[in-house]
């Protein structure tokens, strides 16, 4: 993680997430083509959803190297006090470098500081690397949500 800086904040950092979020959406479409059409919403729509959803708080963690955003995490606390890791992404050339782990460490510290114990994360079908990554932070499969294509 040479020369990588980590910045934490709230909604004021969301706009910087947009380009990387679009990369994540494309990555998901490649991993799970059958769901590609369901990923078509814009970042502007997702931004509104996140702000509305995070009534108990929102955390944005950005990783940057030499002025380029290379990874992010967005997490929310919903009205019942539970938390969700809404999105974590690291640019392809930085995967395996520790950037994702640094983002998750900040995320888990934030949840702990807010006394949030029930935390969920959704992993798209076929993303075994993400599943393994989250398992390393204590997450495990509790239920499996299936969805019918419209």
N, C-alpha and C. Protein backbone atom coordinates (compact mmCIF):
# COMPACT_ATOMS: atom_id res chain seq x y z
N UNK A 1 0.84 -1.20 0.00
CA UNK A 1 0.00 0.00 0.00
C UNK A 1 0.87 1.25 0.00
N UNK A 2 1.88 1.24 -0.80
CA UNK A 2 2.81 2.36 -0.87
C UNK A 2 2.11 3.62 -1.34
N UNK A 3 2.28 4.70 -0.58
CA UNK A 3 1.74 6.02 -0.92
C UNK A 3 0.22 6.04 -1.06
N UNK A 4 -0.47 5.17 -0.36
CA UNK A 4 -1.94 5.15 -0.39
C UNK A 4 -2.45 5.86 0.86
N UNK A 5 -3.35 6.82 0.64
CA UNK A 5 -3.96 7.50 1.78
C UNK A 5 -5.42 7.07 1.87
N UNK A 6 -5.90 6.99 3.11
CA UNK A 6 -7.28 6.60 3.39
C UNK A 6 -7.98 7.80 3.99
N UNK A 7 -9.13 8.15 3.42
CA UNK A 7 -9.94 9.27 3.90
C UNK A 7 -11.31 8.73 4.31
N UNK A 8 -11.78 9.18 5.47
CA UNK A 8 -13.10 8.80 5.95
C UNK A 8 -13.98 10.03 6.02
N UNK A 9 -15.26 9.85 5.70
CA UNK A 9 -16.20 10.95 5.79
C UNK A 9 -17.61 10.45 5.61
N UNK A 10 -18.47 11.36 5.25
CA UNK A 10 -19.87 11.03 5.06
C UNK A 10 -20.32 11.37 3.66
N UNK A 11 -21.53 11.89 3.56
CA UNK A 11 -22.13 12.16 2.25
C UNK A 11 -21.31 13.12 1.40
N UNK A 12 -20.49 13.95 2.03
CA UNK A 12 -19.69 14.91 1.26
C UNK A 12 -18.68 14.21 0.34
N UNK A 13 -18.39 12.93 0.61
CA UNK A 13 -17.44 12.18 -0.23
C UNK A 13 -18.13 11.31 -1.27
N UNK A 14 -19.44 11.22 -1.23
CA UNK A 14 -20.14 10.30 -2.12
C UNK A 14 -19.90 10.56 -3.61
N UNK A 15 -19.81 11.79 -4.00
CA UNK A 15 -19.64 12.08 -5.43
C UNK A 15 -18.34 11.50 -5.99
N UNK A 16 -17.32 11.40 -5.14
CA UNK A 16 -16.05 10.82 -5.59
C UNK A 16 -16.17 9.32 -5.83
N UNK A 17 -17.17 8.69 -5.24
CA UNK A 17 -17.38 7.26 -5.38
C UNK A 17 -17.91 6.90 -6.77
N UNK A 18 -18.63 7.81 -7.41
CA UNK A 18 -19.32 7.52 -8.66
C UNK A 18 -18.53 6.77 -9.72
N UNK A 19 -17.36 7.24 -10.13
CA UNK A 19 -16.63 6.54 -11.19
C UNK A 19 -16.24 5.11 -10.79
N UNK A 20 -15.82 4.91 -9.55
CA UNK A 20 -15.46 3.57 -9.11
C UNK A 20 -16.70 2.69 -8.98
N UNK A 21 -17.82 3.27 -8.55
CA UNK A 21 -19.07 2.52 -8.46
C UNK A 21 -19.47 2.00 -9.84
N UNK A 22 -19.28 2.82 -10.86
CA UNK A 22 -19.57 2.39 -12.23
C UNK A 22 -18.67 1.22 -12.64
N UNK A 23 -17.41 1.25 -12.23
CA UNK A 23 -16.51 0.13 -12.50
C UNK A 23 -17.01 -1.13 -11.79
N UNK A 24 -17.46 -0.98 -10.55
CA UNK A 24 -17.99 -2.12 -9.80
C UNK A 24 -19.22 -2.70 -10.49
N UNK A 25 -20.10 -1.84 -10.94
CA UNK A 25 -21.30 -2.30 -11.64
C UNK A 25 -20.91 -3.11 -12.89
N UNK A 26 -19.92 -2.63 -13.65
CA UNK A 26 -19.44 -3.35 -14.83
C UNK A 26 -18.81 -4.69 -14.43
N UNK A 27 -18.06 -4.68 -13.35
CA UNK A 27 -17.44 -5.91 -12.83
C UNK A 27 -18.52 -6.93 -12.47
N UNK A 28 -19.57 -6.49 -11.79
CA UNK A 28 -20.67 -7.38 -11.43
C UNK A 28 -21.37 -7.92 -12.68
N UNK A 29 -21.55 -7.09 -13.67
CA UNK A 29 -22.20 -7.52 -14.91
C UNK A 29 -21.38 -8.61 -15.60
N UNK A 30 -20.06 -8.52 -15.52
CA UNK A 30 -19.21 -9.55 -16.11
C UNK A 30 -19.26 -10.85 -15.31
N UNK A 31 -19.30 -10.73 -13.98
CA UNK A 31 -19.34 -11.91 -13.12
C UNK A 31 -20.68 -12.63 -13.19
N UNK A 32 -21.75 -11.87 -13.30
CA UNK A 32 -23.10 -12.44 -13.25
C UNK A 32 -23.94 -11.85 -14.39
N UNK A 33 -23.68 -12.26 -15.62
CA UNK A 33 -24.37 -11.67 -16.77
C UNK A 33 -25.90 -11.74 -16.69
N UNK A 34 -26.42 -12.78 -16.05
CA UNK A 34 -27.88 -12.90 -15.99
C UNK A 34 -28.51 -11.76 -15.19
N UNK A 35 -27.72 -11.10 -14.37
CA UNK A 35 -28.24 -9.99 -13.55
C UNK A 35 -27.86 -8.63 -14.10
N UNK A 36 -27.17 -8.58 -15.21
CA UNK A 36 -26.66 -7.31 -15.75
C UNK A 36 -27.76 -6.27 -15.94
N UNK A 37 -28.90 -6.68 -16.43
CA UNK A 37 -29.99 -5.72 -16.67
C UNK A 37 -30.52 -5.12 -15.38
N UNK A 38 -30.38 -5.84 -14.27
CA UNK A 38 -30.86 -5.31 -12.99
C UNK A 38 -29.87 -4.34 -12.37
N UNK A 39 -28.69 -4.21 -12.96
CA UNK A 39 -27.65 -3.32 -12.45
C UNK A 39 -27.64 -1.97 -13.17
N UNK A 40 -28.63 -1.71 -13.99
CA UNK A 40 -28.59 -0.60 -14.92
C UNK A 40 -28.82 0.78 -14.32
N UNK A 41 -29.18 0.87 -13.06
CA UNK A 41 -29.45 2.21 -12.51
C UNK A 41 -28.19 3.06 -12.49
N UNK A 42 -28.38 4.35 -12.38
CA UNK A 42 -27.26 5.29 -12.40
C UNK A 42 -26.71 5.49 -10.99
N UNK A 43 -25.51 6.02 -10.93
CA UNK A 43 -24.95 6.32 -9.61
C UNK A 43 -25.77 7.39 -8.91
N UNK A 44 -26.32 8.33 -9.65
CA UNK A 44 -27.15 9.38 -9.03
C UNK A 44 -28.33 8.76 -8.30
N UNK A 45 -28.96 7.74 -8.90
CA UNK A 45 -30.06 7.05 -8.23
C UNK A 45 -29.55 6.31 -6.98
N UNK A 46 -28.41 5.65 -7.12
CA UNK A 46 -27.84 4.91 -5.98
C UNK A 46 -27.47 5.86 -4.86
N UNK A 47 -26.94 7.02 -5.20
CA UNK A 47 -26.56 8.02 -4.20
C UNK A 47 -27.78 8.43 -3.37
N UNK A 48 -28.90 8.70 -4.04
CA UNK A 48 -30.12 9.09 -3.35
C UNK A 48 -30.58 7.96 -2.41
N UNK A 49 -30.54 6.73 -2.90
CA UNK A 49 -30.92 5.56 -2.08
C UNK A 49 -30.06 5.47 -0.82
N UNK A 50 -28.76 5.64 -0.98
CA UNK A 50 -27.85 5.54 0.16
C UNK A 50 -28.13 6.61 1.20
N UNK A 51 -28.30 7.83 0.74
CA UNK A 51 -28.57 8.94 1.67
C UNK A 51 -29.87 8.70 2.42
N UNK A 52 -30.91 8.28 1.71
CA UNK A 52 -32.20 8.02 2.35
C UNK A 52 -32.14 6.84 3.31
N UNK A 53 -31.39 5.84 2.94
CA UNK A 53 -31.28 4.62 3.73
C UNK A 53 -30.49 4.83 5.01
N UNK A 54 -29.46 5.64 4.96
CA UNK A 54 -28.54 5.80 6.08
C UNK A 54 -29.02 6.77 7.14
N UNK A 55 -30.23 6.59 7.61
CA UNK A 55 -30.77 7.53 8.60
C UNK A 55 -29.99 7.51 9.91
N UNK A 56 -29.32 6.39 10.21
CA UNK A 56 -28.52 6.31 11.42
C UNK A 56 -27.07 6.66 11.20
N UNK A 57 -26.70 6.92 9.97
CA UNK A 57 -25.33 7.30 9.67
C UNK A 57 -24.86 6.69 8.36
N UNK A 58 -23.90 7.34 7.76
CA UNK A 58 -23.30 6.84 6.53
C UNK A 58 -21.79 7.09 6.60
N UNK A 59 -21.05 6.09 6.18
CA UNK A 59 -19.59 6.20 6.15
C UNK A 59 -19.12 5.96 4.74
N UNK A 60 -18.25 6.85 4.28
CA UNK A 60 -17.57 6.67 3.00
C UNK A 60 -16.08 6.63 3.31
N UNK A 61 -15.43 5.58 2.86
CA UNK A 61 -13.98 5.44 3.01
C UNK A 61 -13.40 5.42 1.61
N UNK A 62 -12.45 6.30 1.36
CA UNK A 62 -11.80 6.38 0.05
C UNK A 62 -10.31 6.08 0.19
N UNK A 63 -9.80 5.30 -0.74
CA UNK A 63 -8.37 5.05 -0.84
C UNK A 63 -7.87 5.79 -2.07
N UNK A 64 -6.78 6.49 -1.89
CA UNK A 64 -6.25 7.33 -2.97
C UNK A 64 -4.74 7.16 -3.07
N UNK A 65 -4.26 7.18 -4.29
CA UNK A 65 -2.83 7.15 -4.52
C UNK A 65 -2.49 8.15 -5.61
N UNK A 66 -1.61 9.09 -5.29
CA UNK A 66 -1.17 10.12 -6.24
C UNK A 66 -2.34 10.83 -6.92
N UNK A 67 -3.35 11.20 -6.13
CA UNK A 67 -4.48 11.96 -6.64
C UNK A 67 -5.53 11.15 -7.36
N UNK A 68 -5.37 9.84 -7.40
CA UNK A 68 -6.34 8.96 -8.08
C UNK A 68 -7.05 8.11 -7.03
N UNK A 69 -8.38 8.13 -7.05
CA UNK A 69 -9.16 7.26 -6.18
C UNK A 69 -9.03 5.84 -6.70
N UNK A 70 -8.59 4.92 -5.83
CA UNK A 70 -8.34 3.54 -6.24
C UNK A 70 -9.24 2.53 -5.54
N UNK A 71 -10.01 2.99 -4.58
CA UNK A 71 -10.92 2.09 -3.87
C UNK A 71 -11.84 2.88 -2.96
N UNK A 72 -12.95 2.25 -2.61
CA UNK A 72 -13.89 2.90 -1.71
C UNK A 72 -14.71 1.87 -0.98
N UNK A 73 -15.32 2.33 0.09
CA UNK A 73 -16.33 1.57 0.81
C UNK A 73 -17.43 2.52 1.22
N UNK A 74 -18.68 2.09 1.11
CA UNK A 74 -19.82 2.86 1.58
C UNK A 74 -20.63 1.96 2.49
N UNK A 75 -20.90 2.42 3.69
CA UNK A 75 -21.68 1.66 4.65
C UNK A 75 -22.72 2.57 5.29
N UNK A 76 -23.83 1.96 5.71
CA UNK A 76 -24.92 2.71 6.31
C UNK A 76 -25.41 2.04 7.58
N UNK A 77 -26.02 2.86 8.40
CA UNK A 77 -26.77 2.37 9.56
C UNK A 77 -28.21 2.77 9.32
N UNK A 78 -29.09 1.78 9.32
CA UNK A 78 -30.50 2.02 9.02
C UNK A 78 -31.27 2.31 10.30
N UNK A 79 -32.54 2.64 10.14
CA UNK A 79 -33.35 3.12 11.25
C UNK A 79 -33.45 2.15 12.42
N UNK A 80 -33.34 0.84 12.18
CA UNK A 80 -33.42 -0.11 13.30
C UNK A 80 -32.08 -0.31 14.00
N UNK A 81 -31.06 0.42 13.57
CA UNK A 81 -29.75 0.35 14.22
C UNK A 81 -28.82 -0.70 13.64
N UNK A 82 -29.28 -1.45 12.65
CA UNK A 82 -28.39 -2.44 12.04
C UNK A 82 -27.55 -1.76 10.95
N UNK A 83 -26.45 -2.41 10.61
CA UNK A 83 -25.55 -1.83 9.63
C UNK A 83 -25.50 -2.64 8.37
N UNK A 84 -25.09 -1.98 7.30
CA UNK A 84 -24.89 -2.69 6.04
C UNK A 84 -23.66 -2.14 5.35
N UNK A 85 -22.84 -3.06 4.88
CA UNK A 85 -21.75 -2.68 3.99
C UNK A 85 -22.40 -2.67 2.62
N UNK A 86 -22.66 -1.49 2.11
CA UNK A 86 -23.41 -1.34 0.87
C UNK A 86 -22.56 -1.60 -0.36
N UNK A 87 -21.29 -1.28 -0.27
CA UNK A 87 -20.46 -1.38 -1.45
C UNK A 87 -19.00 -1.22 -1.06
N UNK A 88 -18.17 -2.12 -1.54
CA UNK A 88 -16.72 -1.99 -1.42
C UNK A 88 -16.14 -2.35 -2.78
N UNK A 89 -15.21 -1.55 -3.24
CA UNK A 89 -14.58 -1.81 -4.52
C UNK A 89 -13.14 -1.31 -4.49
N UNK A 90 -12.28 -2.11 -5.10
CA UNK A 90 -10.87 -1.74 -5.28
C UNK A 90 -10.56 -1.92 -6.76
N UNK A 91 -9.95 -0.91 -7.37
CA UNK A 91 -9.57 -0.99 -8.78
C UNK A 91 -8.74 -2.24 -9.03
N UNK A 92 -8.93 -2.84 -10.19
CA UNK A 92 -8.33 -4.13 -10.52
C UNK A 92 -6.83 -4.18 -10.26
N UNK A 93 -6.11 -3.12 -10.61
CA UNK A 93 -4.66 -3.14 -10.45
C UNK A 93 -4.20 -2.99 -9.01
N UNK A 94 -5.13 -2.81 -8.07
CA UNK A 94 -4.80 -2.67 -6.66
C UNK A 94 -5.33 -3.82 -5.81
N UNK A 95 -6.06 -4.74 -6.41
CA UNK A 95 -6.60 -5.87 -5.65
C UNK A 95 -5.45 -6.73 -5.13
N UNK A 96 -5.61 -7.19 -3.90
CA UNK A 96 -4.59 -8.01 -3.27
C UNK A 96 -3.47 -7.22 -2.63
N UNK A 97 -3.56 -5.90 -2.66
CA UNK A 97 -2.50 -5.04 -2.13
C UNK A 97 -2.72 -4.63 -0.68
N UNK A 98 -3.90 -4.95 -0.13
CA UNK A 98 -4.22 -4.52 1.23
C UNK A 98 -5.15 -3.32 1.28
N UNK A 99 -5.46 -2.73 0.14
CA UNK A 99 -6.34 -1.56 0.10
C UNK A 99 -7.73 -1.93 0.60
N UNK A 100 -8.28 -3.02 0.11
CA UNK A 100 -9.61 -3.44 0.56
C UNK A 100 -9.64 -3.73 2.05
N UNK A 101 -8.60 -4.38 2.54
CA UNK A 101 -8.53 -4.68 3.98
C UNK A 101 -8.47 -3.39 4.79
N UNK A 102 -7.74 -2.39 4.32
CA UNK A 102 -7.67 -1.10 5.03
C UNK A 102 -9.04 -0.42 5.05
N UNK A 103 -9.76 -0.49 3.94
CA UNK A 103 -11.10 0.09 3.88
C UNK A 103 -12.02 -0.64 4.86
N UNK A 104 -11.96 -1.97 4.86
CA UNK A 104 -12.81 -2.74 5.77
C UNK A 104 -12.45 -2.51 7.23
N UNK A 105 -11.19 -2.35 7.53
CA UNK A 105 -10.78 -2.10 8.91
C UNK A 105 -11.40 -0.80 9.41
N UNK A 106 -11.33 0.25 8.60
CA UNK A 106 -11.95 1.53 8.97
C UNK A 106 -13.46 1.37 9.11
N UNK A 107 -14.06 0.59 8.22
CA UNK A 107 -15.50 0.36 8.25
C UNK A 107 -15.91 -0.35 9.54
N UNK A 108 -15.20 -1.41 9.88
CA UNK A 108 -15.55 -2.17 11.08
C UNK A 108 -15.31 -1.35 12.35
N UNK A 109 -14.28 -0.52 12.36
CA UNK A 109 -14.05 0.39 13.49
C UNK A 109 -15.21 1.38 13.64
N UNK A 110 -15.71 1.88 12.51
CA UNK A 110 -16.83 2.82 12.55
C UNK A 110 -18.07 2.15 13.12
N UNK A 111 -18.39 0.95 12.63
CA UNK A 111 -19.55 0.24 13.16
C UNK A 111 -19.39 0.01 14.67
N UNK A 112 -18.20 -0.38 15.11
CA UNK A 112 -17.95 -0.61 16.53
C UNK A 112 -18.14 0.68 17.33
N UNK A 113 -17.68 1.80 16.79
CA UNK A 113 -17.81 3.08 17.50
C UNK A 113 -19.27 3.51 17.63
N UNK A 114 -20.12 2.98 16.75
CA UNK A 114 -21.55 3.29 16.78
C UNK A 114 -22.34 2.17 17.49
N UNK A 115 -21.62 1.21 18.07
CA UNK A 115 -22.22 0.06 18.78
C UNK A 115 -23.13 -0.77 17.88
N UNK A 116 -22.78 -0.86 16.61
CA UNK A 116 -23.55 -1.67 15.66
C UNK A 116 -22.95 -3.07 15.64
N UNK A 117 -23.78 -4.04 15.97
CA UNK A 117 -23.31 -5.43 16.00
C UNK A 117 -23.86 -6.25 14.83
N UNK A 118 -25.08 -5.96 14.42
CA UNK A 118 -25.69 -6.70 13.31
C UNK A 118 -25.34 -5.98 12.01
N UNK A 119 -24.45 -6.59 11.24
CA UNK A 119 -23.96 -5.99 10.00
C UNK A 119 -24.14 -7.00 8.87
N UNK A 120 -24.69 -6.54 7.76
CA UNK A 120 -24.87 -7.42 6.61
C UNK A 120 -24.11 -6.89 5.40
N UNK A 121 -23.89 -7.78 4.48
CA UNK A 121 -23.30 -7.43 3.19
C UNK A 121 -23.86 -8.39 2.16
N UNK A 122 -24.22 -7.89 1.00
CA UNK A 122 -24.67 -8.72 -0.11
C UNK A 122 -23.51 -8.94 -1.07
N UNK A 123 -23.37 -10.17 -1.53
CA UNK A 123 -22.34 -10.52 -2.50
C UNK A 123 -23.05 -11.10 -3.71
N UNK A 124 -22.77 -10.54 -4.87
CA UNK A 124 -23.44 -11.00 -6.08
C UNK A 124 -23.01 -12.43 -6.44
N UNK A 125 -23.93 -13.16 -7.02
CA UNK A 125 -23.67 -14.52 -7.46
C UNK A 125 -22.40 -14.57 -8.31
N UNK A 126 -21.54 -15.52 -8.00
CA UNK A 126 -20.33 -15.72 -8.79
C UNK A 126 -19.12 -14.94 -8.31
N UNK A 127 -19.29 -14.07 -7.32
CA UNK A 127 -18.16 -13.28 -6.84
C UNK A 127 -17.51 -13.99 -5.65
N UNK A 128 -16.85 -15.09 -5.94
CA UNK A 128 -16.22 -15.90 -4.90
C UNK A 128 -15.09 -15.14 -4.19
N UNK A 129 -14.40 -14.28 -4.91
CA UNK A 129 -13.32 -13.50 -4.29
C UNK A 129 -13.87 -12.59 -3.21
N UNK A 130 -15.02 -11.94 -3.48
CA UNK A 130 -15.63 -11.07 -2.48
C UNK A 130 -16.13 -11.88 -1.29
N UNK A 131 -16.73 -13.03 -1.57
CA UNK A 131 -17.22 -13.89 -0.49
C UNK A 131 -16.07 -14.26 0.45
N UNK A 132 -14.97 -14.68 -0.10
CA UNK A 132 -13.79 -15.05 0.70
C UNK A 132 -13.25 -13.84 1.47
N UNK A 133 -13.23 -12.69 0.81
CA UNK A 133 -12.76 -11.45 1.44
C UNK A 133 -13.59 -11.14 2.69
N UNK A 134 -14.92 -11.16 2.56
CA UNK A 134 -15.79 -10.83 3.69
C UNK A 134 -15.72 -11.90 4.77
N UNK A 135 -15.54 -13.14 4.40
CA UNK A 135 -15.37 -14.20 5.40
C UNK A 135 -14.17 -13.92 6.29
N UNK A 136 -13.14 -13.32 5.71
CA UNK A 136 -11.96 -12.94 6.49
C UNK A 136 -12.24 -11.90 7.55
N UNK A 137 -13.37 -11.22 7.45
CA UNK A 137 -13.77 -10.23 8.45
C UNK A 137 -14.91 -10.75 9.33
N UNK A 138 -15.11 -12.07 9.32
CA UNK A 138 -16.08 -12.69 10.20
C UNK A 138 -17.48 -12.85 9.64
N UNK A 139 -17.69 -12.52 8.38
CA UNK A 139 -19.01 -12.67 7.78
C UNK A 139 -19.18 -14.11 7.31
N UNK A 140 -20.42 -14.58 7.39
CA UNK A 140 -20.73 -15.91 6.91
C UNK A 140 -22.14 -15.94 6.34
N UNK A 141 -22.38 -16.94 5.53
CA UNK A 141 -23.68 -17.09 4.91
C UNK A 141 -24.71 -17.48 5.97
N UNK A 142 -25.72 -16.66 6.14
CA UNK A 142 -26.80 -16.94 7.09
C UNK A 142 -28.04 -17.41 6.34
N UNK A 143 -28.38 -16.69 5.31
CA UNK A 143 -29.49 -17.07 4.46
C UNK A 143 -29.06 -16.81 3.02
N UNK A 144 -29.80 -17.37 2.10
CA UNK A 144 -29.53 -17.10 0.71
C UNK A 144 -30.79 -16.48 0.11
N UNK A 145 -30.65 -15.28 -0.38
CA UNK A 145 -31.76 -14.61 -1.03
C UNK A 145 -31.71 -14.92 -2.51
N UNK A 146 -32.82 -15.42 -3.01
CA UNK A 146 -32.90 -15.71 -4.44
C UNK A 146 -33.87 -14.72 -5.04
N UNK A 147 -33.67 -14.40 -6.29
CA UNK A 147 -34.50 -13.43 -6.96
C UNK A 147 -34.90 -13.96 -8.33
N UNK A 148 -36.12 -13.72 -8.68
CA UNK A 148 -36.61 -14.08 -10.01
C UNK A 148 -36.38 -12.90 -10.94
N UNK A 149 -35.85 -13.18 -12.11
CA UNK A 149 -35.70 -12.13 -13.10
C UNK A 149 -37.08 -11.68 -13.57
N UNK A 150 -37.24 -10.39 -13.71
CA UNK A 150 -38.52 -9.85 -14.18
C UNK A 150 -38.69 -10.04 -15.66
